[in-house]
Amino acid sequence: MTSSQLSPRVKELISKFTAQPDPTFVAQICNAMKRCVAAVNDGVGDPKQSLSELEKLTGKEWQEETFFEIWGWTSEEELAEAAAIDFPEPLSDMSETELAQIVDFHRSNGGQIWEDRLFEYLEASLPTAFSTDLLFWPYRDMTPFEVAQEVTKRKKILGQSGLRGLREYELKLAQMVLENPKAKPYSRQWAKGILRSRRKNHD
């Protein structure tokens, strides 16, 4: 799908997520984050003062927990790159067509640094209804529009039955996958994960 085929809102979103922030600004944020990491993990300086400096620089709130043992899940450089982006407000009225366009764009251009930002945005815009499992561990092969339809279905379940209803729905899907001898390996892996998590929660 070319940019000319995208809706105006999707085109604007993608331009923001794929934009390259000013490297000088990223370096300033990164240095401030390194001071936060040193303060939180090593007691070098006052964590509250370091966080305050970072908040003034980025215009965003930060917690000490973000910088505790940060190396286990990200780095100051990656976090600074994301923080330098003007993150758009969640789109609570995202249509199926818009979501399908975003999914299609990701399939054609994924694996880049903006990917995690995009996932965070979709999770904020479509809380609980959207999961990256639908992209990487789907219970069946789906076109971008079918992914969008699946999210709509999950939104309806959440509205009617809440999280319990969604869990029951996923459990039925997982059982269906495991009973299907033609199910793809990634679908079976997703299904086994769902069943393990349900048993753990039940216990």
N, C-alpha and C. Protein backbone atom coordinates (compact mmCIF):
# COMPACT_ATOMS: atom_id res chain seq x y z
N MET A 1 0.84 -1.19 0.00
CA MET A 1 0.00 0.00 0.00
C MET A 1 0.88 1.24 0.00
N THR A 2 0.65 2.16 -0.95
CA THR A 2 1.43 3.37 -1.02
C THR A 2 0.84 4.44 -0.12
N SER A 3 1.63 5.48 0.15
CA SER A 3 1.16 6.55 1.03
C SER A 3 -0.06 7.26 0.47
N SER A 4 -0.18 7.28 -0.86
CA SER A 4 -1.33 7.94 -1.49
C SER A 4 -2.63 7.19 -1.23
N GLN A 5 -2.53 5.91 -0.85
CA GLN A 5 -3.73 5.11 -0.60
C GLN A 5 -4.16 5.16 0.86
N LEU A 6 -3.38 5.81 1.70
CA LEU A 6 -3.70 5.89 3.12
C LEU A 6 -4.68 7.03 3.39
N SER A 7 -5.54 6.84 4.39
CA SER A 7 -6.43 7.91 4.79
C SER A 7 -5.61 9.05 5.39
N PRO A 8 -6.14 10.26 5.40
CA PRO A 8 -5.37 11.40 5.94
C PRO A 8 -4.90 11.19 7.37
N ARG A 9 -5.76 10.62 8.22
CA ARG A 9 -5.36 10.43 9.62
C ARG A 9 -4.24 9.40 9.73
N VAL A 10 -4.35 8.30 8.99
CA VAL A 10 -3.31 7.27 9.02
C VAL A 10 -2.01 7.81 8.45
N LYS A 11 -2.09 8.58 7.39
CA LYS A 11 -0.89 9.16 6.78
C LYS A 11 -0.17 10.06 7.79
N GLU A 12 -0.95 10.84 8.54
CA GLU A 12 -0.34 11.73 9.54
C GLU A 12 0.29 10.93 10.68
N LEU A 13 -0.42 9.88 11.14
CA LEU A 13 0.11 9.04 12.21
C LEU A 13 1.44 8.40 11.80
N ILE A 14 1.45 7.81 10.63
CA ILE A 14 2.65 7.11 10.16
C ILE A 14 3.82 8.08 9.99
N SER A 15 3.51 9.29 9.51
CA SER A 15 4.58 10.28 9.35
C SER A 15 5.21 10.63 10.69
N LYS A 16 4.39 10.66 11.76
CA LYS A 16 4.92 10.97 13.08
C LYS A 16 5.74 9.82 13.64
N PHE A 17 5.24 8.59 13.46
CA PHE A 17 5.94 7.44 14.02
C PHE A 17 7.25 7.15 13.30
N THR A 18 7.30 7.43 12.03
CA THR A 18 8.50 7.12 11.25
C THR A 18 9.46 8.30 11.15
N ALA A 19 9.09 9.43 11.74
CA ALA A 19 9.95 10.62 11.68
C ALA A 19 11.26 10.37 12.45
N GLN A 20 12.32 10.95 11.94
CA GLN A 20 13.62 10.85 12.60
C GLN A 20 13.82 12.10 13.46
N PRO A 21 13.87 11.95 14.79
CA PRO A 21 14.04 13.12 15.66
C PRO A 21 15.43 13.74 15.52
N ASP A 22 15.54 14.99 15.94
CA ASP A 22 16.80 15.71 15.90
C ASP A 22 17.84 14.96 16.74
N PRO A 23 18.95 14.52 16.15
CA PRO A 23 19.95 13.74 16.90
C PRO A 23 20.55 14.49 18.09
N THR A 24 20.64 15.81 17.98
CA THR A 24 21.17 16.60 19.10
C THR A 24 20.22 16.53 20.29
N PHE A 25 18.93 16.64 20.00
CA PHE A 25 17.91 16.56 21.05
C PHE A 25 17.90 15.16 21.66
N VAL A 26 18.02 14.14 20.83
CA VAL A 26 18.06 12.76 21.32
C VAL A 26 19.26 12.58 22.26
N ALA A 27 20.40 13.14 21.89
CA ALA A 27 21.60 13.02 22.72
C ALA A 27 21.41 13.70 24.07
N GLN A 28 20.73 14.85 24.08
CA GLN A 28 20.47 15.56 25.34
C GLN A 28 19.58 14.70 26.25
N ILE A 29 18.54 14.11 25.66
CA ILE A 29 17.64 13.26 26.44
C ILE A 29 18.40 12.04 26.96
N CYS A 30 19.21 11.43 26.09
CA CYS A 30 19.97 10.24 26.46
C CYS A 30 20.89 10.53 27.64
N ASN A 31 21.58 11.65 27.62
CA ASN A 31 22.47 12.01 28.73
C ASN A 31 21.69 12.22 30.02
N ALA A 32 20.52 12.85 29.90
CA ALA A 32 19.67 13.04 31.08
C ALA A 32 19.20 11.70 31.63
N MET A 33 18.87 10.77 30.73
CA MET A 33 18.43 9.44 31.16
C MET A 33 19.56 8.68 31.84
N LYS A 34 20.78 8.84 31.34
CA LYS A 34 21.92 8.18 31.96
C LYS A 34 22.13 8.68 33.38
N ARG A 35 21.86 9.98 33.61
CA ARG A 35 21.95 10.51 34.98
C ARG A 35 20.85 9.89 35.85
N CYS A 36 19.67 9.68 35.26
CA CYS A 36 18.58 9.04 36.01
C CYS A 36 18.95 7.61 36.38
N VAL A 37 19.51 6.88 35.42
CA VAL A 37 19.92 5.50 35.66
C VAL A 37 20.97 5.44 36.76
N ALA A 38 21.95 6.34 36.71
CA ALA A 38 23.00 6.36 37.73
C ALA A 38 22.43 6.68 39.10
N ALA A 39 21.48 7.61 39.15
CA ALA A 39 20.88 8.00 40.43
C ALA A 39 20.03 6.87 41.01
N VAL A 40 19.23 6.22 40.16
CA VAL A 40 18.32 5.18 40.64
C VAL A 40 19.05 3.89 40.99
N ASN A 41 20.01 3.50 40.16
CA ASN A 41 20.68 2.21 40.35
C ASN A 41 21.94 2.29 41.21
N ASP A 42 22.67 3.40 41.11
CA ASP A 42 23.97 3.48 41.78
C ASP A 42 24.04 4.52 42.88
N GLY A 43 22.95 5.26 43.09
CA GLY A 43 22.95 6.27 44.14
C GLY A 43 23.82 7.47 43.82
N VAL A 44 24.09 7.70 42.52
CA VAL A 44 24.90 8.84 42.11
C VAL A 44 23.96 10.01 41.82
N GLY A 45 23.84 10.92 42.76
CA GLY A 45 22.94 12.06 42.59
C GLY A 45 21.56 11.77 43.15
N ASP A 46 20.70 12.77 43.07
CA ASP A 46 19.34 12.70 43.60
C ASP A 46 18.39 12.26 42.49
N PRO A 47 17.73 11.11 42.65
CA PRO A 47 16.81 10.63 41.59
C PRO A 47 15.72 11.64 41.26
N LYS A 48 15.17 12.30 42.28
CA LYS A 48 14.07 13.24 42.03
C LYS A 48 14.55 14.42 41.20
N GLN A 49 15.75 14.90 41.47
CA GLN A 49 16.29 16.01 40.70
C GLN A 49 16.57 15.58 39.26
N SER A 50 17.12 14.39 39.09
CA SER A 50 17.40 13.88 37.74
C SER A 50 16.11 13.70 36.95
N LEU A 51 15.08 13.17 37.60
CA LEU A 51 13.79 12.98 36.93
C LEU A 51 13.17 14.32 36.56
N SER A 52 13.32 15.30 37.46
CA SER A 52 12.77 16.63 37.20
C SER A 52 13.44 17.26 35.98
N GLU A 53 14.75 17.11 35.86
CA GLU A 53 15.48 17.64 34.71
C GLU A 53 15.01 16.97 33.42
N LEU A 54 14.79 15.66 33.48
CA LEU A 54 14.34 14.92 32.31
C LEU A 54 12.93 15.35 31.91
N GLU A 55 12.06 15.56 32.89
CA GLU A 55 10.69 15.98 32.60
C GLU A 55 10.64 17.35 31.95
N LYS A 56 11.51 18.26 32.40
CA LYS A 56 11.57 19.59 31.79
C LYS A 56 12.04 19.50 30.35
N LEU A 57 12.95 18.58 30.10
CA LEU A 57 13.53 18.43 28.77
C LEU A 57 12.54 17.82 27.79
N THR A 58 11.79 16.82 28.25
CA THR A 58 10.89 16.06 27.35
C THR A 58 9.43 16.51 27.42
N GLY A 59 9.05 17.19 28.50
CA GLY A 59 7.65 17.55 28.67
C GLY A 59 6.78 16.37 29.03
N LYS A 60 7.41 15.29 29.52
CA LYS A 60 6.68 14.07 29.89
C LYS A 60 7.04 13.67 31.32
N GLU A 61 6.11 12.97 31.98
CA GLU A 61 6.37 12.49 33.33
C GLU A 61 7.15 11.18 33.29
N TRP A 62 8.05 11.01 34.27
CA TRP A 62 8.87 9.80 34.36
C TRP A 62 8.87 9.29 35.79
N GLN A 63 9.00 7.98 35.95
CA GLN A 63 9.03 7.35 37.26
C GLN A 63 10.39 6.69 37.48
N GLU A 64 10.80 6.59 38.75
CA GLU A 64 12.08 5.94 39.06
C GLU A 64 12.11 4.51 38.55
N GLU A 65 10.94 3.83 38.60
CA GLU A 65 10.89 2.42 38.19
C GLU A 65 11.33 2.23 36.74
N THR A 66 11.11 3.24 35.91
CA THR A 66 11.48 3.13 34.50
C THR A 66 12.97 2.90 34.33
N PHE A 67 13.76 3.45 35.24
CA PHE A 67 15.22 3.42 35.08
C PHE A 67 15.90 2.40 35.99
N PHE A 68 15.09 1.62 36.69
CA PHE A 68 15.66 0.56 37.53
C PHE A 68 16.00 -0.64 36.67
N GLU A 69 17.30 -1.00 36.65
CA GLU A 69 17.77 -2.12 35.83
C GLU A 69 17.23 -2.03 34.40
N ILE A 70 17.39 -0.87 33.82
CA ILE A 70 16.88 -0.58 32.48
C ILE A 70 17.45 -1.51 31.42
N TRP A 71 18.64 -2.03 31.67
CA TRP A 71 19.33 -2.84 30.66
C TRP A 71 18.60 -4.15 30.38
N GLY A 72 17.69 -4.55 31.26
CA GLY A 72 16.98 -5.81 31.04
C GLY A 72 15.94 -5.75 29.95
N TRP A 73 15.54 -4.53 29.54
CA TRP A 73 14.46 -4.46 28.55
C TRP A 73 14.67 -3.39 27.48
N THR A 74 15.57 -2.45 27.71
CA THR A 74 15.83 -1.44 26.68
C THR A 74 17.17 -0.80 26.98
N SER A 75 17.44 0.34 26.39
CA SER A 75 18.67 1.10 26.64
C SER A 75 18.32 2.57 26.69
N GLU A 76 19.22 3.38 27.23
CA GLU A 76 18.98 4.81 27.27
C GLU A 76 18.82 5.38 25.86
N GLU A 77 19.61 4.84 24.93
CA GLU A 77 19.56 5.34 23.56
C GLU A 77 18.19 5.09 22.92
N GLU A 78 17.66 3.87 23.07
CA GLU A 78 16.36 3.53 22.47
C GLU A 78 15.25 4.33 23.15
N LEU A 79 15.33 4.44 24.47
CA LEU A 79 14.30 5.17 25.20
C LEU A 79 14.32 6.65 24.85
N ALA A 80 15.51 7.20 24.67
CA ALA A 80 15.65 8.61 24.30
C ALA A 80 15.09 8.86 22.91
N GLU A 81 15.33 7.93 22.00
CA GLU A 81 14.82 8.05 20.63
C GLU A 81 13.30 8.13 20.64
N ALA A 82 12.68 7.26 21.44
CA ALA A 82 11.21 7.26 21.53
C ALA A 82 10.69 8.51 22.21
N ALA A 83 11.40 8.97 23.25
CA ALA A 83 10.95 10.14 24.02
C ALA A 83 11.03 11.42 23.20
N ALA A 84 11.90 11.44 22.19
CA ALA A 84 12.08 12.63 21.36
C ALA A 84 10.96 12.79 20.34
N ILE A 85 10.16 11.75 20.17
CA ILE A 85 9.06 11.80 19.21
C ILE A 85 7.85 12.50 19.83
N ASP A 86 7.20 13.31 19.05
CA ASP A 86 5.95 13.94 19.48
C ASP A 86 4.84 12.91 19.35
N PHE A 87 4.61 12.16 20.44
CA PHE A 87 3.68 11.04 20.41
C PHE A 87 2.25 11.54 20.26
N PRO A 88 1.52 11.11 19.22
CA PRO A 88 0.15 11.57 19.04
C PRO A 88 -0.79 11.01 20.11
N GLU A 89 -1.88 11.71 20.31
CA GLU A 89 -2.88 11.25 21.27
C GLU A 89 -3.54 9.97 20.75
N PRO A 90 -3.88 9.04 21.66
CA PRO A 90 -4.55 7.80 21.22
C PRO A 90 -5.81 8.11 20.41
N LEU A 91 -6.08 7.27 19.42
CA LEU A 91 -7.20 7.48 18.51
C LEU A 91 -8.31 6.51 18.91
N SER A 92 -9.19 6.95 19.80
CA SER A 92 -10.22 6.06 20.34
C SER A 92 -11.28 5.69 19.32
N ASP A 93 -11.42 6.49 18.27
CA ASP A 93 -12.43 6.20 17.24
C ASP A 93 -11.81 5.65 15.97
N MET A 94 -10.68 4.97 16.10
CA MET A 94 -10.02 4.38 14.93
C MET A 94 -10.97 3.40 14.23
N SER A 95 -11.12 3.55 12.93
CA SER A 95 -12.01 2.68 12.17
C SER A 95 -11.30 1.39 11.77
N GLU A 96 -12.08 0.40 11.33
CA GLU A 96 -11.50 -0.84 10.84
C GLU A 96 -10.58 -0.57 9.64
N THR A 97 -11.02 0.30 8.76
CA THR A 97 -10.21 0.62 7.58
C THR A 97 -8.88 1.24 7.97
N GLU A 98 -8.90 2.14 8.93
CA GLU A 98 -7.67 2.80 9.39
C GLU A 98 -6.73 1.79 10.03
N LEU A 99 -7.27 0.93 10.88
CA LEU A 99 -6.43 -0.08 11.51
C LEU A 99 -5.86 -1.04 10.47
N ALA A 100 -6.67 -1.43 9.50
CA ALA A 100 -6.19 -2.32 8.44
C ALA A 100 -5.06 -1.66 7.65
N GLN A 101 -5.16 -0.37 7.41
CA GLN A 101 -4.10 0.34 6.69
C GLN A 101 -2.81 0.36 7.51
N ILE A 102 -2.94 0.55 8.81
CA ILE A 102 -1.75 0.57 9.68
C ILE A 102 -1.10 -0.81 9.71
N VAL A 103 -1.92 -1.86 9.84
CA VAL A 103 -1.39 -3.23 9.86
C VAL A 103 -0.70 -3.55 8.54
N ASP A 104 -1.32 -3.14 7.45
CA ASP A 104 -0.73 -3.39 6.13
C ASP A 104 0.60 -2.65 5.99
N PHE A 105 0.65 -1.41 6.46
CA PHE A 105 1.89 -0.64 6.40
C PHE A 105 2.98 -1.32 7.23
N HIS A 106 2.61 -1.81 8.41
CA HIS A 106 3.59 -2.48 9.26
C HIS A 106 4.13 -3.74 8.59
N ARG A 107 3.24 -4.51 7.97
CA ARG A 107 3.69 -5.75 7.31
C ARG A 107 4.69 -5.47 6.20
N SER A 108 4.54 -4.33 5.57
CA SER A 108 5.43 -3.99 4.45
C SER A 108 6.71 -3.28 4.91
N ASN A 109 6.68 -2.70 6.11
CA ASN A 109 7.79 -1.85 6.54
C ASN A 109 8.27 -2.12 7.96
N GLY A 110 7.82 -3.21 8.58
CA GLY A 110 8.15 -3.47 9.98
C GLY A 110 9.61 -3.78 10.22
N GLY A 111 9.93 -4.07 11.49
CA GLY A 111 11.29 -4.41 11.85
C GLY A 111 12.21 -3.21 12.01
N GLN A 112 11.63 -2.02 12.15
CA GLN A 112 12.43 -0.81 12.31
C GLN A 112 12.22 -0.22 13.69
N ILE A 113 12.98 0.82 14.01
CA ILE A 113 13.00 1.35 15.37
C ILE A 113 11.65 1.91 15.80
N TRP A 114 10.83 2.35 14.83
CA TRP A 114 9.54 2.94 15.18
C TRP A 114 8.48 1.88 15.48
N GLU A 115 8.81 0.62 15.28
CA GLU A 115 7.82 -0.45 15.43
C GLU A 115 7.21 -0.48 16.84
N ASP A 116 8.06 -0.42 17.86
CA ASP A 116 7.55 -0.48 19.24
C ASP A 116 6.67 0.73 19.56
N ARG A 117 7.02 1.89 19.02
CA ARG A 117 6.19 3.08 19.24
C ARG A 117 4.79 2.85 18.67
N LEU A 118 4.76 2.25 17.49
CA LEU A 118 3.48 1.99 16.83
C LEU A 118 2.63 1.02 17.66
N PHE A 119 3.25 -0.03 18.18
CA PHE A 119 2.51 -1.01 18.99
C PHE A 119 1.96 -0.36 20.26
N GLU A 120 2.78 0.47 20.90
CA GLU A 120 2.32 1.16 22.11
C GLU A 120 1.12 2.04 21.79
N TYR A 121 1.17 2.67 20.64
CA TYR A 121 0.08 3.56 20.24
C TYR A 121 -1.21 2.76 19.99
N LEU A 122 -1.10 1.64 19.31
CA LEU A 122 -2.28 0.82 19.05
C LEU A 122 -2.86 0.26 20.34
N GLU A 123 -1.99 -0.14 21.27
CA GLU A 123 -2.46 -0.65 22.55
C GLU A 123 -3.15 0.44 23.36
N ALA A 124 -2.68 1.70 23.22
CA ALA A 124 -3.32 2.82 23.92
C ALA A 124 -4.64 3.20 23.26
N SER A 125 -4.70 3.11 21.94
CA SER A 125 -5.92 3.47 21.20
C SER A 125 -6.99 2.38 21.29
N LEU A 126 -6.54 1.12 21.39
CA LEU A 126 -7.46 -0.02 21.38
C LEU A 126 -7.16 -0.91 22.59
N PRO A 127 -7.30 -0.36 23.81
CA PRO A 127 -6.87 -1.09 25.01
C PRO A 127 -7.48 -2.49 25.13
N THR A 128 -6.58 -3.46 25.30
CA THR A 128 -6.92 -4.87 25.50
C THR A 128 -7.45 -5.53 24.22
N ALA A 129 -8.17 -4.81 23.40
CA ALA A 129 -8.71 -5.39 22.17
C ALA A 129 -7.59 -5.70 21.18
N PHE A 130 -6.57 -4.84 21.15
CA PHE A 130 -5.44 -5.08 20.26
C PHE A 130 -4.31 -5.76 21.03
N SER A 131 -3.70 -6.74 20.38
CA SER A 131 -2.54 -7.42 20.93
C SER A 131 -1.58 -7.71 19.79
N THR A 132 -0.29 -7.60 20.06
CA THR A 132 0.69 -7.93 19.01
C THR A 132 0.64 -9.42 18.66
N ASP A 133 -0.01 -10.23 19.49
CA ASP A 133 -0.23 -11.64 19.12
C ASP A 133 -0.96 -11.75 17.79
N LEU A 134 -1.85 -10.80 17.51
CA LEU A 134 -2.61 -10.83 16.27
C LEU A 134 -1.72 -10.62 15.05
N LEU A 135 -0.54 -10.05 15.27
CA LEU A 135 0.40 -9.81 14.19
C LEU A 135 1.47 -10.89 14.09
N PHE A 136 1.96 -11.34 15.26
CA PHE A 136 3.10 -12.26 15.26
C PHE A 136 2.73 -13.70 15.60
N TRP A 137 1.64 -13.89 16.34
CA TRP A 137 1.22 -15.25 16.74
C TRP A 137 -0.28 -15.42 16.53
N PRO A 138 -0.79 -15.11 15.34
CA PRO A 138 -2.24 -15.17 15.13
C PRO A 138 -2.76 -16.61 15.22
N TYR A 139 -4.00 -16.74 15.66
CA TYR A 139 -4.58 -18.08 15.77
C TYR A 139 -4.92 -18.65 14.39
N ARG A 140 -4.94 -17.77 13.38
CA ARG A 140 -5.07 -18.20 11.99
C ARG A 140 -4.51 -17.09 11.11
N ASP A 141 -4.20 -17.43 9.87
CA ASP A 141 -3.73 -16.41 8.94
C ASP A 141 -4.84 -15.40 8.68
N MET A 142 -4.50 -14.11 8.76
CA MET A 142 -5.50 -13.07 8.56
C MET A 142 -4.93 -11.96 7.69
N THR A 143 -5.76 -11.43 6.81
CA THR A 143 -5.39 -10.24 6.05
C THR A 143 -5.42 -9.04 7.01
N PRO A 144 -4.85 -7.91 6.62
CA PRO A 144 -4.92 -6.72 7.48
C PRO A 144 -6.36 -6.36 7.87
N PHE A 145 -7.29 -6.47 6.91
CA PHE A 145 -8.67 -6.12 7.25
C PHE A 145 -9.28 -7.14 8.20
N GLU A 146 -8.90 -8.41 8.07
CA GLU A 146 -9.41 -9.42 9.00
C GLU A 146 -8.84 -9.19 10.40
N VAL A 147 -7.62 -8.71 10.49
CA VAL A 147 -7.06 -8.35 11.80
C VAL A 147 -7.91 -7.24 12.42
N ALA A 148 -8.25 -6.24 11.61
CA ALA A 148 -9.07 -5.13 12.09
C ALA A 148 -10.45 -5.62 12.53
N GLN A 149 -11.03 -6.54 11.78
CA GLN A 149 -12.33 -7.10 12.15
C GLN A 149 -12.23 -7.89 13.46
N GLU A 150 -11.12 -8.60 13.65
CA GLU A 150 -10.91 -9.34 14.88
C GLU A 150 -10.83 -8.39 16.08
N VAL A 151 -10.18 -7.27 15.91
CA VAL A 151 -10.09 -6.27 16.98
C VAL A 151 -11.47 -5.72 17.30
N THR A 152 -12.28 -5.47 16.27
CA THR A 152 -13.65 -4.99 16.48
C THR A 152 -14.45 -6.02 17.27
N LYS A 153 -14.29 -7.29 16.93
CA LYS A 153 -14.99 -8.36 17.65
C LYS A 153 -14.59 -8.37 19.13
N ARG A 154 -13.29 -8.20 19.38
CA ARG A 154 -12.80 -8.20 20.76
C ARG A 154 -13.30 -6.98 21.53
N LYS A 155 -13.40 -5.85 20.87
CA LYS A 155 -13.95 -4.65 21.51
C LYS A 155 -15.40 -4.90 21.94
N LYS A 156 -16.16 -5.56 21.06
CA LYS A 156 -17.56 -5.86 21.38
C LYS A 156 -17.66 -6.82 22.56
N ILE A 157 -16.80 -7.83 22.59
CA ILE A 157 -16.80 -8.79 23.71
C ILE A 157 -16.46 -8.08 25.01
N LEU A 158 -15.46 -7.22 24.97
CA LEU A 158 -15.06 -6.47 26.16
C LEU A 158 -16.19 -5.58 26.66
N GLY A 159 -16.91 -4.96 25.70
CA GLY A 159 -18.02 -4.10 26.08
C GLY A 159 -19.17 -4.86 26.70
N GLN A 160 -19.39 -6.10 26.25
CA GLN A 160 -20.52 -6.89 26.74
C GLN A 160 -20.18 -7.73 27.97
N SER A 161 -18.96 -8.33 27.97
CA SER A 161 -18.63 -9.30 29.02
C SER A 161 -17.34 -8.98 29.77
N GLY A 162 -16.66 -7.92 29.39
CA GLY A 162 -15.44 -7.54 30.09
C GLY A 162 -14.29 -8.49 29.80
N LEU A 163 -13.26 -8.38 30.64
CA LEU A 163 -12.06 -9.18 30.44
C LEU A 163 -12.33 -10.68 30.57
N ARG A 164 -13.26 -11.05 31.44
CA ARG A 164 -13.61 -12.46 31.60
C ARG A 164 -14.14 -13.03 30.28
N GLY A 165 -14.99 -12.26 29.60
CA GLY A 165 -15.53 -12.70 28.33
C GLY A 165 -14.45 -12.86 27.28
N LEU A 166 -13.49 -11.94 27.27
CA LEU A 166 -12.40 -12.04 26.30
C LEU A 166 -11.54 -13.26 26.57
N ARG A 167 -11.29 -13.55 27.83
CA ARG A 167 -10.50 -14.73 28.18
C ARG A 167 -11.21 -16.01 27.76
N GLU A 168 -12.50 -16.06 27.95
CA GLU A 168 -13.26 -17.24 27.54
C GLU A 168 -13.22 -17.40 26.02
N TYR A 169 -13.32 -16.29 25.31
CA TYR A 169 -13.25 -16.30 23.85
C TYR A 169 -11.90 -16.83 23.38
N GLU A 170 -10.82 -16.33 23.98
CA GLU A 170 -9.48 -16.78 23.59
C GLU A 170 -9.26 -18.24 23.94
N LEU A 171 -9.82 -18.69 25.04
CA LEU A 171 -9.70 -20.08 25.43
C LEU A 171 -10.35 -21.00 24.39
N LYS A 172 -11.53 -20.61 23.89
CA LYS A 172 -12.20 -21.39 22.86
C LYS A 172 -11.38 -21.42 21.57
N LEU A 173 -10.81 -20.28 21.23
CA LEU A 173 -9.96 -20.22 20.04
C LEU A 173 -8.75 -21.14 20.19
N ALA A 174 -8.14 -21.12 21.38
CA ALA A 174 -6.95 -21.94 21.62
C ALA A 174 -7.29 -23.42 21.51
N GLN A 175 -8.41 -23.82 22.06
CA GLN A 175 -8.82 -25.22 21.98
C GLN A 175 -9.10 -25.62 20.53
N MET A 176 -9.69 -24.70 19.77
CA MET A 176 -9.98 -24.95 18.36
C MET A 176 -8.68 -25.14 17.57
N VAL A 177 -7.69 -24.30 17.86
CA VAL A 177 -6.40 -24.40 17.18
C VAL A 177 -5.74 -25.75 17.45
N LEU A 178 -5.73 -26.16 18.71
CA LEU A 178 -5.05 -27.41 19.08
C LEU A 178 -5.77 -28.64 18.54
N GLU A 179 -7.05 -28.50 18.25
CA GLU A 179 -7.80 -29.61 17.68
C GLU A 179 -7.69 -29.66 16.16
N ASN A 180 -7.08 -28.63 15.58
CA ASN A 180 -6.94 -28.55 14.12
C ASN A 180 -5.56 -29.07 13.70
N PRO A 181 -5.50 -30.23 13.05
CA PRO A 181 -4.19 -30.79 12.66
C PRO A 181 -3.46 -29.93 11.62
N LYS A 182 -4.17 -29.04 10.97
CA LYS A 182 -3.55 -28.19 9.95
C LYS A 182 -3.13 -26.82 10.50
N ALA A 183 -3.30 -26.63 11.80
CA ALA A 183 -2.95 -25.34 12.39
C ALA A 183 -1.45 -25.07 12.24
N LYS A 184 -1.09 -23.82 12.00
CA LYS A 184 0.31 -23.43 11.81
C LYS A 184 1.06 -23.52 13.16
N PRO A 185 2.38 -23.75 13.10
CA PRO A 185 3.17 -23.86 14.33
C PRO A 185 3.04 -22.64 15.24
N TYR A 186 3.03 -21.43 14.65
CA TYR A 186 2.92 -20.23 15.49
C TYR A 186 1.54 -20.13 16.14
N SER A 187 0.51 -20.64 15.45
CA SER A 187 -0.83 -20.65 16.04
C SER A 187 -0.89 -21.62 17.21
N ARG A 188 -0.28 -22.78 17.05
CA ARG A 188 -0.27 -23.77 18.12
C ARG A 188 0.53 -23.26 19.33
N GLN A 189 1.61 -22.55 19.05
CA GLN A 189 2.40 -22.00 20.15
C GLN A 189 1.59 -20.96 20.93
N TRP A 190 0.85 -20.12 20.19
CA TRP A 190 -0.03 -19.14 20.85
C TRP A 190 -1.07 -19.86 21.70
N ALA A 191 -1.69 -20.88 21.13
CA ALA A 191 -2.76 -21.60 21.83
C ALA A 191 -2.24 -22.25 23.11
N LYS A 192 -1.06 -22.85 23.04
CA LYS A 192 -0.48 -23.48 24.23
C LYS A 192 -0.19 -22.44 25.30
N GLY A 193 0.27 -21.26 24.87
CA GLY A 193 0.53 -20.19 25.83
C GLY A 193 -0.75 -19.72 26.51
N ILE A 194 -1.84 -19.63 25.75
CA ILE A 194 -3.12 -19.22 26.31
C ILE A 194 -3.59 -20.23 27.35
N LEU A 195 -3.49 -21.52 27.02
CA LEU A 195 -3.94 -22.55 27.95
C LEU A 195 -3.09 -22.57 29.21
N ARG A 196 -1.77 -22.38 29.06
CA ARG A 196 -0.89 -22.35 30.24
C ARG A 196 -1.26 -21.17 31.16
N SER A 197 -1.47 -20.01 30.55
CA SER A 197 -1.79 -18.82 31.37
C SER A 197 -3.14 -18.98 32.06
N ARG A 198 -4.10 -19.61 31.38
CA ARG A 198 -5.42 -19.80 32.00
C ARG A 198 -5.33 -20.76 33.18
N ARG A 199 -4.53 -21.85 33.01
CA ARG A 199 -4.37 -22.81 34.10
C ARG A 199 -3.69 -22.15 35.29
N LYS A 200 -2.70 -21.32 35.01
CA LYS A 200 -1.98 -20.62 36.08
C LYS A 200 -2.91 -19.69 36.84
N ASN A 201 -3.74 -18.94 36.09
CA ASN A 201 -4.69 -18.03 36.74
C ASN A 201 -5.75 -18.79 37.53
N HIS A 202 -6.13 -19.95 37.02
CA HIS A 202 -7.14 -20.76 37.70
C HIS A 202 -6.60 -21.32 39.01
N ASP A 203 -5.30 -21.74 38.97
CA ASP A 203 -4.68 -22.27 40.18
C ASP A 203 -4.47 -21.19 41.23
